[in-house]
Amino acid sequence: MTGERRSKRVRRGKAVVTASALHTLWDLKLRILEALSVHPKNADVYCLAAGKWAKLDNDDASLAGAHLLHL
């Protein structure tokens, strides 16, 4: 047998998603999940910040308010 078995999540690949500081976390999550063809109820979105993974929970926060926007 050649190659190793990988999960569907790993096989989905990568996608480029753009957003502005005015978008909410919910808007960003929807863009990411649409790009990867994942239903929003079937996924949690995590962000790597300061060397730690954090789950993005506050859907109403803006990207600038959540400190996710880098200039």
N, C-alpha and C. Protein backbone atom coordinates (compact mmCIF):
# COMPACT_ATOMS: atom_id res chain seq x y z
N MET A 1 0.84 -1.17 0.00
CA MET A 1 0.00 0.00 0.00
C MET A 1 0.90 1.24 0.00
N THR A 2 0.60 2.20 -0.85
CA THR A 2 1.43 3.40 -0.93
C THR A 2 0.72 4.56 -0.25
N GLY A 3 1.47 5.41 0.39
CA GLY A 3 0.91 6.59 1.04
C GLY A 3 0.24 6.26 2.36
N GLU A 4 -0.07 7.30 3.10
CA GLU A 4 -0.73 7.09 4.39
C GLU A 4 -2.16 7.60 4.32
N ARG A 5 -2.99 7.06 5.16
CA ARG A 5 -4.40 7.46 5.21
C ARG A 5 -4.50 8.80 5.91
N ARG A 6 -5.19 9.73 5.28
CA ARG A 6 -5.35 11.06 5.87
C ARG A 6 -6.83 11.39 5.97
N SER A 7 -7.19 12.18 6.96
CA SER A 7 -8.59 12.53 7.18
C SER A 7 -9.10 13.44 6.05
N LYS A 8 -10.42 13.53 5.94
CA LYS A 8 -11.01 14.42 4.93
C LYS A 8 -10.63 15.86 5.18
N ARG A 9 -10.53 16.24 6.47
CA ARG A 9 -10.16 17.61 6.80
C ARG A 9 -8.79 17.96 6.24
N VAL A 10 -7.85 17.06 6.36
CA VAL A 10 -6.50 17.30 5.87
C VAL A 10 -6.50 17.34 4.35
N ARG A 11 -7.32 16.53 3.72
CA ARG A 11 -7.35 16.47 2.26
C ARG A 11 -8.07 17.66 1.64
N ARG A 12 -8.79 18.43 2.41
CA ARG A 12 -9.53 19.57 1.86
C ARG A 12 -8.62 20.61 1.23
N GLY A 13 -7.44 20.77 1.76
CA GLY A 13 -6.51 21.73 1.19
C GLY A 13 -6.58 23.07 1.87
N LYS A 14 -6.11 24.07 1.16
CA LYS A 14 -6.04 25.42 1.71
C LYS A 14 -6.86 26.35 0.84
N ALA A 15 -7.27 27.47 1.43
CA ALA A 15 -8.03 28.46 0.68
C ALA A 15 -7.60 29.85 1.15
N VAL A 16 -7.60 30.78 0.25
CA VAL A 16 -7.30 32.17 0.59
C VAL A 16 -8.62 32.89 0.83
N VAL A 17 -8.72 33.53 1.98
CA VAL A 17 -9.94 34.26 2.34
C VAL A 17 -9.54 35.66 2.75
N THR A 18 -10.24 36.66 2.23
CA THR A 18 -9.94 38.04 2.60
C THR A 18 -11.12 38.63 3.36
N ALA A 19 -10.81 39.53 4.28
CA ALA A 19 -11.83 40.19 5.08
C ALA A 19 -11.29 41.54 5.52
N SER A 20 -12.18 42.44 5.88
CA SER A 20 -11.75 43.75 6.36
C SER A 20 -11.98 43.85 7.86
N ALA A 21 -11.49 44.92 8.44
CA ALA A 21 -11.62 45.12 9.89
C ALA A 21 -13.08 45.29 10.30
N LEU A 22 -13.94 45.64 9.37
CA LEU A 22 -15.35 45.85 9.69
C LEU A 22 -16.15 44.55 9.72
N HIS A 23 -15.61 43.48 9.17
CA HIS A 23 -16.31 42.20 9.19
C HIS A 23 -16.34 41.64 10.61
N THR A 24 -17.36 40.86 10.90
CA THR A 24 -17.44 40.19 12.19
C THR A 24 -16.77 38.83 12.09
N LEU A 25 -16.54 38.20 13.23
CA LEU A 25 -15.98 36.86 13.23
C LEU A 25 -16.89 35.89 12.49
N TRP A 26 -18.20 36.08 12.62
CA TRP A 26 -19.16 35.20 11.92
C TRP A 26 -18.96 35.31 10.41
N ASP A 27 -18.78 36.55 9.90
CA ASP A 27 -18.53 36.74 8.47
C ASP A 27 -17.26 36.00 8.03
N LEU A 28 -16.21 36.11 8.84
CA LEU A 28 -14.96 35.43 8.51
C LEU A 28 -15.13 33.92 8.54
N LYS A 29 -15.81 33.40 9.57
CA LYS A 29 -16.06 31.96 9.65
C LYS A 29 -16.82 31.47 8.43
N LEU A 30 -17.86 32.20 8.02
CA LEU A 30 -18.64 31.78 6.85
C LEU A 30 -17.78 31.76 5.59
N ARG A 31 -16.92 32.75 5.42
CA ARG A 31 -16.04 32.79 4.24
C ARG A 31 -15.09 31.60 4.24
N ILE A 32 -14.53 31.28 5.40
CA ILE A 32 -13.60 30.15 5.50
C ILE A 32 -14.33 28.85 5.20
N LEU A 33 -15.48 28.65 5.83
CA LEU A 33 -16.21 27.40 5.67
C LEU A 33 -16.75 27.23 4.26
N GLU A 34 -17.19 28.32 3.63
CA GLU A 34 -17.64 28.25 2.23
C GLU A 34 -16.49 27.88 1.31
N ALA A 35 -15.32 28.47 1.57
CA ALA A 35 -14.15 28.18 0.72
C ALA A 35 -13.73 26.72 0.84
N LEU A 36 -13.95 26.12 2.01
CA LEU A 36 -13.56 24.72 2.23
C LEU A 36 -14.73 23.75 2.08
N SER A 37 -15.90 24.24 1.72
CA SER A 37 -17.11 23.42 1.54
C SER A 37 -17.47 22.64 2.81
N VAL A 38 -17.51 23.36 3.92
CA VAL A 38 -17.88 22.77 5.20
C VAL A 38 -19.12 23.47 5.72
N HIS A 39 -20.10 22.72 6.23
CA HIS A 39 -21.30 23.32 6.80
C HIS A 39 -20.93 23.97 8.14
N PRO A 40 -21.42 25.20 8.40
CA PRO A 40 -21.04 25.91 9.63
C PRO A 40 -21.35 25.15 10.92
N LYS A 41 -22.37 24.33 10.94
CA LYS A 41 -22.70 23.60 12.16
C LYS A 41 -21.77 22.41 12.39
N ASN A 42 -20.97 22.06 11.40
CA ASN A 42 -20.08 20.91 11.50
C ASN A 42 -18.63 21.30 11.78
N ALA A 43 -18.37 22.55 12.11
CA ALA A 43 -16.99 22.96 12.26
C ALA A 43 -16.82 24.04 13.32
N ASP A 44 -15.69 24.03 13.95
CA ASP A 44 -15.25 25.09 14.83
C ASP A 44 -14.03 25.72 14.17
N VAL A 45 -13.88 27.03 14.35
CA VAL A 45 -12.76 27.73 13.74
C VAL A 45 -11.82 28.18 14.85
N TYR A 46 -10.53 27.86 14.66
CA TYR A 46 -9.50 28.22 15.63
C TYR A 46 -8.50 29.16 14.97
N CYS A 47 -7.88 30.00 15.78
CA CYS A 47 -6.89 30.96 15.30
C CYS A 47 -5.62 30.80 16.12
N LEU A 48 -4.48 30.84 15.45
CA LEU A 48 -3.20 30.78 16.14
C LEU A 48 -2.77 32.20 16.46
N ALA A 49 -2.69 32.52 17.74
CA ALA A 49 -2.28 33.86 18.17
C ALA A 49 -1.32 33.72 19.34
N ALA A 50 -0.22 34.38 19.27
CA ALA A 50 0.80 34.37 20.32
C ALA A 50 1.24 32.95 20.67
N GLY A 51 1.32 32.09 19.66
CA GLY A 51 1.79 30.72 19.87
C GLY A 51 0.77 29.76 20.46
N LYS A 52 -0.47 30.19 20.63
CA LYS A 52 -1.52 29.32 21.18
C LYS A 52 -2.73 29.31 20.26
N TRP A 53 -3.38 28.15 20.17
CA TRP A 53 -4.60 28.04 19.38
C TRP A 53 -5.79 28.43 20.25
N ALA A 54 -6.64 29.31 19.72
CA ALA A 54 -7.82 29.75 20.45
C ALA A 54 -9.04 29.59 19.56
N LYS A 55 -10.12 29.07 20.13
CA LYS A 55 -11.38 28.92 19.39
C LYS A 55 -12.03 30.28 19.25
N LEU A 56 -12.50 30.60 18.05
CA LEU A 56 -13.18 31.87 17.80
C LEU A 56 -14.65 31.70 18.18
N ASP A 57 -15.02 32.26 19.33
CA ASP A 57 -16.37 32.07 19.86
C ASP A 57 -17.29 33.27 19.69
N ASN A 58 -16.81 34.46 19.90
CA ASN A 58 -17.66 35.65 19.91
C ASN A 58 -17.96 36.09 18.49
N ASP A 59 -19.04 35.55 17.91
CA ASP A 59 -19.35 35.79 16.50
C ASP A 59 -19.69 37.24 16.18
N ASP A 60 -20.10 38.02 17.18
CA ASP A 60 -20.49 39.40 16.93
C ASP A 60 -19.32 40.38 16.99
N ALA A 61 -18.16 39.95 17.44
CA ALA A 61 -17.00 40.83 17.54
C ALA A 61 -16.45 41.15 16.15
N SER A 62 -15.92 42.35 16.00
CA SER A 62 -15.28 42.70 14.73
C SER A 62 -13.88 42.09 14.72
N LEU A 63 -13.31 41.97 13.54
CA LEU A 63 -11.96 41.40 13.44
C LEU A 63 -10.94 42.30 14.13
N ALA A 64 -11.11 43.60 14.02
CA ALA A 64 -10.19 44.52 14.68
C ALA A 64 -10.36 44.41 16.20
N GLY A 65 -11.58 44.30 16.67
CA GLY A 65 -11.84 44.18 18.11
C GLY A 65 -11.35 42.86 18.68
N ALA A 66 -11.29 41.83 17.87
CA ALA A 66 -10.81 40.53 18.32
C ALA A 66 -9.29 40.40 18.16
N HIS A 67 -8.63 41.46 17.71
CA HIS A 67 -7.18 41.49 17.52
C HIS A 67 -6.71 40.43 16.52
N LEU A 68 -7.49 40.21 15.46
CA LEU A 68 -7.13 39.24 14.43
C LEU A 68 -6.62 39.90 13.16
N LEU A 69 -6.64 41.21 13.12
CA LEU A 69 -6.26 41.92 11.92
C LEU A 69 -4.83 42.42 12.05
N HIS A 70 -3.98 42.05 11.10
CA HIS A 70 -2.60 42.52 11.08
C HIS A 70 -2.44 43.52 9.95
N LEU A 71 -1.85 44.66 10.25
CA LEU A 71 -1.65 45.69 9.23
C LEU A 71 -0.29 45.56 8.60
